């Protein structure tokens, strides 16, 4: 029977869920490492102290995510290297553009939060997917580790939402329609 290959993600065709799982884990590993490089600049660009602290706290949390991914790759006896996360590259590029925007402090902080939440949602989608794959393949210890990271990403997103409500409330609304 001929296998239908819908993916061709870098190192050849992917034929199994396990291969896709590893490819997605490597993507997340690279994404987290890219984020480690970007978060200090986001913290430096933030004006609001709670936002700056949230970025710094997430930097430390991201270091833990990388360590957890190393643990997962050790369990699976696989190498984490070999994949570049193009999506995170794009998200970080947008974040850098936000940092360089000519905007008031509160508007820039609001834009930084929007950029950070895009990153969080990308990561949550990725971790949710690989957690499901792990469970399907009976990698329960790996699934538990992935769920822990997924929970932390969700918590970071919620913190950003709380901060955004405060910051957004300080920004003039400009044009509003009366619906």
C-alpha atoms as a PDB file:
ATOM      1  CA  UNK A   1       0.000   0.000   0.000  1.00  0.00           C
ATOM      2  CA  UNK A   2       1.351   3.411  -0.954  1.00  0.00           C
ATOM      3  CA  UNK A   3       1.691   5.927   1.889  1.00  0.00           C
ATOM      4  CA  UNK A   4       0.246   9.386   1.321  1.00  0.00           C
ATOM      5  CA  UNK A   5       2.823  11.926   2.456  1.00  0.00           C
ATOM      6  CA  UNK A   6       1.338  15.295   3.284  1.00  0.00           C
ATOM      7  CA  UNK A   7       4.490  16.634   4.927  1.00  0.00           C
ATOM      8  CA  UNK A   8       7.960  17.221   3.663  1.00  0.00           C
ATOM      9  CA  UNK A   9       9.434  19.139   6.588  1.00  0.00           C
ATOM     10  CA  UNK A  10      13.134  19.432   6.062  1.00  0.00           C
ATOM     11  CA  UNK A  11      14.811  16.072   6.554  1.00  0.00           C
ATOM     12  CA  UNK A  12      12.753  13.971   4.178  1.00  0.00           C
ATOM     13  CA  UNK A  13       9.220  12.748   4.080  1.00  0.00           C
ATOM     14  CA  UNK A  14       7.493  12.064   7.351  1.00  0.00           C
ATOM     15  CA  UNK A  15       5.679   8.730   7.396  1.00  0.00           C
ATOM     16  CA  UNK A  16       4.669   8.210  11.021  1.00  0.00           C
ATOM     17  CA  UNK A  17       3.145  10.087  13.921  1.00  0.00           C
ATOM     18  CA  UNK A  18       6.371   9.489  15.855  1.00  0.00           C
ATOM     19  CA  UNK A  19       8.410  11.218  13.137  1.00  0.00           C
ATOM     20  CA  UNK A  20       5.964  14.133  13.074  1.00  0.00           C
ATOM     21  CA  UNK A  21       6.084  14.268  16.878  1.00  0.00           C
ATOM     22  CA  UNK A  22       9.886  14.557  16.852  1.00  0.00           C
ATOM     23  CA  UNK A  23       9.794  17.181  14.108  1.00  0.00           C
ATOM     24  CA  UNK A  24       7.297  19.252  16.092  1.00  0.00           C
ATOM     25  CA  UNK A  25       9.315  18.878  19.314  1.00  0.00           C
ATOM     26  CA  UNK A  26      12.437  20.093  17.501  1.00  0.00           C
ATOM     27  CA  UNK A  27      10.442  23.035  16.178  1.00  0.00           C
ATOM     28  CA  UNK A  28       9.388  23.941  19.727  1.00  0.00           C
ATOM     29  CA  UNK A  29      12.943  23.521  20.989  1.00  0.00           C
ATOM     30  CA  UNK A  30      14.208  26.006  18.420  1.00  0.00           C
ATOM     31  CA  UNK A  31      11.269  28.341  19.095  1.00  0.00           C
ATOM     32  CA  UNK A  32      12.030  28.423  22.819  1.00  0.00           C
ATOM     33  CA  UNK A  33      15.722  29.120  22.161  1.00  0.00           C
ATOM     34  CA  UNK A  34      14.851  31.963  19.792  1.00  0.00           C
ATOM     35  CA  UNK A  35      12.527  33.355  22.448  1.00  0.00           C
ATOM     36  CA  UNK A  36      15.336  33.289  25.020  1.00  0.00           C
ATOM     37  CA  UNK A  37      17.261  35.641  22.748  1.00  0.00           C
ATOM     38  CA  UNK A  38      14.277  37.969  22.186  1.00  0.00           C
ATOM     39  CA  UNK A  39      12.775  38.349  25.671  1.00  0.00           C
ATOM     40  CA  UNK A  40      15.510  40.572  27.173  1.00  0.00           C
ATOM     41  CA  UNK A  41      14.977  43.154  24.405  1.00  0.00           C
ATOM     42  CA  UNK A  42      11.225  43.061  24.994  1.00  0.00           C
ATOM     43  CA  UNK A  43      11.774  43.612  28.724  1.00  0.00           C
ATOM     44  CA  UNK A  44      14.118  46.522  27.981  1.00  0.00           C
ATOM     45  CA  UNK A  45      11.556  48.088  25.633  1.00  0.00           C
ATOM     46  CA  UNK A  46       8.659  47.791  28.098  1.00  0.00           C
ATOM     47  CA  UNK A  47       7.822  50.946  30.038  1.00  0.00           C
ATOM     48  CA  UNK A  48       5.297  49.498  32.488  1.00  0.00           C
ATOM     49  CA  UNK A  49       7.041  47.833  35.451  1.00  0.00           C
ATOM     50  CA  UNK A  50       4.575  44.925  35.633  1.00  0.00           C
ATOM     51  CA  UNK A  51       5.071  44.221  31.924  1.00  0.00           C
ATOM     52  CA  UNK A  52       8.851  44.411  32.250  1.00  0.00           C
ATOM     53  CA  UNK A  53       8.672  41.986  35.196  1.00  0.00           C
ATOM     54  CA  UNK A  54       6.363  39.651  33.262  1.00  0.00           C
ATOM     55  CA  UNK A  55       8.873  39.474  30.400  1.00  0.00           C
ATOM     56  CA  UNK A  56      11.744  38.827  32.818  1.00  0.00           C
ATOM     57  CA  UNK A  57       9.750  36.136  34.634  1.00  0.00           C
ATOM     58  CA  UNK A  58       8.860  34.526  31.324  1.00  0.00           C
ATOM     59  CA  UNK A  59      12.548  34.499  30.388  1.00  0.00           C
ATOM     60  CA  UNK A  60      13.242  32.363  33.469  1.00  0.00           C
ATOM     61  CA  UNK A  61      10.229  30.181  32.699  1.00  0.00           C
ATOM     62  CA  UNK A  62      11.448  29.754  29.108  1.00  0.00           C
ATOM     63  CA  UNK A  63      14.818  28.545  30.401  1.00  0.00           C
ATOM     64  CA  UNK A  64      12.817  25.885  32.250  1.00  0.00           C
ATOM     65  CA  UNK A  65      10.946  24.998  29.045  1.00  0.00           C
ATOM     66  CA  UNK A  66      14.246  24.426  27.241  1.00  0.00           C
ATOM     67  CA  UNK A  67      15.484  22.263  30.131  1.00  0.00           C
ATOM     68  CA  UNK A  68      12.215  20.310  30.077  1.00  0.00           C
ATOM     69  CA  UNK A  69      12.545  19.748  26.327  1.00  0.00           C
ATOM     70  CA  UNK A  70      16.086  18.442  26.931  1.00  0.00           C
ATOM     71  CA  UNK A  71      14.603  16.038  29.480  1.00  0.00           C
ATOM     72  CA  UNK A  72      12.003  14.924  26.923  1.00  0.00           C
ATOM     73  CA  UNK A  73      14.622  14.336  24.241  1.00  0.00           C
ATOM     74  CA  UNK A  74      16.688  12.351  26.773  1.00  0.00           C
ATOM     75  CA  UNK A  75      13.655  10.169  27.566  1.00  0.00           C
ATOM     76  CA  UNK A  76      13.064   9.628  23.837  1.00  0.00           C
ATOM     77  CA  UNK A  77      16.798   9.108  23.221  1.00  0.00           C
ATOM     78  CA  UNK A  78      16.715  11.693  20.431  1.00  0.00           C
ATOM     79  CA  UNK A  79      18.639  14.845  19.525  1.00  0.00           C
ATOM     80  CA  UNK A  80      16.793  18.179  19.904  1.00  0.00           C
ATOM     81  CA  UNK A  81      18.822  19.920  17.199  1.00  0.00           C
ATOM     82  CA  UNK A  82      18.139  20.096  13.497  1.00  0.00           C
ATOM     83  CA  UNK A  83      15.073  22.272  12.978  1.00  0.00           C
ATOM     84  CA  UNK A  84      14.571  26.010  12.606  1.00  0.00           C
ATOM     85  CA  UNK A  85      11.201  27.360  13.667  1.00  0.00           C
ATOM     86  CA  UNK A  86      10.327  29.761  10.868  1.00  0.00           C
ATOM     87  CA  UNK A  87       7.079  30.781  12.565  1.00  0.00           C
ATOM     88  CA  UNK A  88       8.905  31.985  15.681  1.00  0.00           C
ATOM     89  CA  UNK A  89      11.407  33.799  13.470  1.00  0.00           C
ATOM     90  CA  UNK A  90       8.505  35.722  11.968  1.00  0.00           C
ATOM     91  CA  UNK A  91       6.866  36.428  15.315  1.00  0.00           C
ATOM     92  CA  UNK A  92      10.144  37.702  16.743  1.00  0.00           C
ATOM     93  CA  UNK A  93      10.724  39.863  13.671  1.00  0.00           C
ATOM     94  CA  UNK A  94       7.321  41.464  14.272  1.00  0.00           C
ATOM     95  CA  UNK A  95       8.241  41.951  17.922  1.00  0.00           C
ATOM     96  CA  UNK A  96      11.454  43.737  16.912  1.00  0.00           C
ATOM     97  CA  UNK A  97       9.443  45.987  14.603  1.00  0.00           C
ATOM     98  CA  UNK A  98       7.181  46.793  17.554  1.00  0.00           C
ATOM     99  CA  UNK A  99      10.186  47.717  19.680  1.00  0.00           C
ATOM    100  CA  UNK A 100      11.318  50.160  16.992  1.00  0.00           C
ATOM    101  CA  UNK A 101       7.886  51.771  16.495  1.00  0.00           C
ATOM    102  CA  UNK A 102       7.558  55.485  17.169  1.00  0.00           C
ATOM    103  CA  UNK A 103       4.704  55.367  19.675  1.00  0.00           C
ATOM    104  CA  UNK A 104       3.769  56.614  23.112  1.00  0.00           C
ATOM    105  CA  UNK A 105       4.939  54.450  25.994  1.00  0.00           C
ATOM    106  CA  UNK A 106       1.523  52.950  26.708  1.00  0.00           C
ATOM    107  CA  UNK A 107       0.815  52.267  23.032  1.00  0.00           C
ATOM    108  CA  UNK A 108       4.210  50.592  22.670  1.00  0.00           C
ATOM    109  CA  UNK A 109       3.539  48.487  25.780  1.00  0.00           C
ATOM    110  CA  UNK A 110       0.146  47.472  24.366  1.00  0.00           C
ATOM    111  CA  UNK A 111       1.824  46.496  21.085  1.00  0.00           C
ATOM    112  CA  UNK A 112       4.507  44.520  22.952  1.00  0.00           C
ATOM    113  CA  UNK A 113       1.774  42.617  24.788  1.00  0.00           C
ATOM    114  CA  UNK A 114       0.050  41.849  21.484  1.00  0.00           C
ATOM    115  CA  UNK A 115       3.331  40.535  20.056  1.00  0.00           C
ATOM    116  CA  UNK A 116       4.001  38.467  23.185  1.00  0.00           C
ATOM    117  CA  UNK A 117       0.500  36.995  23.158  1.00  0.00           C
ATOM    118  CA  UNK A 118       0.929  35.921  19.533  1.00  0.00           C
ATOM    119  CA  UNK A 119       4.035  34.041  20.680  1.00  0.00           C
ATOM    120  CA  UNK A 120       2.176  32.489  23.627  1.00  0.00           C
ATOM    121  CA  UNK A 121      -0.691  31.319  21.437  1.00  0.00           C
ATOM    122  CA  UNK A 122       1.735  29.802  18.926  1.00  0.00           C
ATOM    123  CA  UNK A 123       3.490  27.954  21.732  1.00  0.00           C
ATOM    124  CA  UNK A 124       0.215  26.792  23.297  1.00  0.00           C
ATOM    125  CA  UNK A 125      -0.901  25.371  19.950  1.00  0.00           C
ATOM    126  CA  UNK A 126       2.417  23.581  19.523  1.00  0.00           C
ATOM    127  CA  UNK A 127       2.587  22.168  23.034  1.00  0.00           C
ATOM    128  CA  UNK A 128      -1.045  21.078  22.951  1.00  0.00           C
ATOM    129  CA  UNK A 129      -0.438  19.223  19.710  1.00  0.00           C
ATOM    130  CA  UNK A 130       2.702  17.381  20.826  1.00  0.00           C
ATOM    131  CA  UNK A 131       1.119  16.564  24.186  1.00  0.00           C
ATOM    132  CA  UNK A 132      -1.738  14.880  22.309  1.00  0.00           C
ATOM    133  CA  UNK A 133       0.725  12.993  20.101  1.00  0.00           C
ATOM    134  CA  UNK A 134       2.640  11.846  23.200  1.00  0.00           C
ATOM    135  CA  UNK A 135      -0.537  10.530  24.790  1.00  0.00           C
ATOM    136  CA  UNK A 136      -1.572   8.725  21.591  1.00  0.00           C
ATOM    137  CA  UNK A 137       1.820   6.991  21.492  1.00  0.00           C
ATOM    138  CA  UNK A 138       1.713   6.117  25.214  1.00  0.00           C
ATOM    139  CA  UNK A 139       4.602   8.442  26.122  1.00  0.00           C
ATOM    140  CA  UNK A 140       2.816   9.342  29.348  1.00  0.00           C
ATOM    141  CA  UNK A 141       5.849  10.812  31.170  1.00  0.00           C
ATOM    142  CA  UNK A 142       6.566  12.998  28.148  1.00  0.00           C
ATOM    143  CA  UNK A 143       2.903  13.997  27.954  1.00  0.00           C
ATOM    144  CA  UNK A 144       2.979  15.077  31.596  1.00  0.00           C
ATOM    145  CA  UNK A 145       6.068  17.229  31.000  1.00  0.00           C
ATOM    146  CA  UNK A 146       4.485  18.800  27.929  1.00  0.00           C
ATOM    147  CA  UNK A 147       1.278  19.519  29.862  1.00  0.00           C
ATOM    148  CA  UNK A 148       3.304  21.323  32.528  1.00  0.00           C
ATOM    149  CA  UNK A 149       4.808  23.607  29.878  1.00  0.00           C
ATOM    150  CA  UNK A 150       1.403  24.093  28.248  1.00  0.00           C
ATOM    151  CA  UNK A 151      -0.023  25.144  31.628  1.00  0.00           C
ATOM    152  CA  UNK A 152       2.825  27.629  32.133  1.00  0.00           C
ATOM    153  CA  UNK A 153       2.296  29.112  28.658  1.00  0.00           C
ATOM    154  CA  UNK A 154      -1.410  29.532  29.416  1.00  0.00           C
ATOM    155  CA  UNK A 155      -0.621  31.203  32.725  1.00  0.00           C
ATOM    156  CA  UNK A 156       1.801  33.618  31.023  1.00  0.00           C
ATOM    157  CA  UNK A 157      -0.895  34.498  28.488  1.00  0.00           C
ATOM    158  CA  UNK A 158      -3.412  35.195  31.272  1.00  0.00           C
ATOM    159  CA  UNK A 159      -0.907  37.454  33.070  1.00  0.00           C
ATOM    160  CA  UNK A 160      -0.386  39.400  29.848  1.00  0.00           C
ATOM    161  CA  UNK A 161      -4.154  39.777  29.456  1.00  0.00           C
ATOM    162  CA  UNK A 162      -4.468  41.240  32.962  1.00  0.00           C
ATOM    163  CA  UNK A 163      -1.610  43.682  32.306  1.00  0.00           C
ATOM    164  CA  UNK A 164      -3.057  44.630  28.913  1.00  0.00           C
ATOM    165  CA  UNK A 165      -6.399  45.611  30.446  1.00  0.00           C
ATOM    166  CA  UNK A 166      -4.617  48.064  32.727  1.00  0.00           C
ATOM    167  CA  UNK A 167      -2.360  49.491  30.017  1.00  0.00           C
ATOM    168  CA  UNK A 168      -5.072  49.638  27.358  1.00  0.00           C
ATOM    169  CA  UNK A 169      -7.242  51.616  29.761  1.00  0.00           C
ATOM    170  CA  UNK A 170      -4.589  54.359  29.802  1.00  0.00           C
ATOM    171  CA  UNK A 171      -4.549  54.811  26.012  1.00  0.00           C
ATOM    172  CA  UNK A 172      -6.794  57.368  24.287  1.00  0.00           C
ATOM    173  CA  UNK A 173      -9.352  55.480  22.212  1.00  0.00           C
ATOM    174  CA  UNK A 174      -9.325  57.766  19.215  1.00  0.00           C
ATOM    175  CA  UNK A 175     -12.130  57.159  16.735  1.00  0.00           C
ATOM    176  CA  UNK A 176     -14.976  55.011  18.059  1.00  0.00           C
ATOM    177  CA  UNK A 177     -18.225  54.214  16.307  1.00  0.00           C
ATOM    178  CA  UNK A 178     -21.558  54.378  18.088  1.00  0.00           C
ATOM    179  CA  UNK A 179     -23.061  51.000  17.225  1.00  0.00           C
END
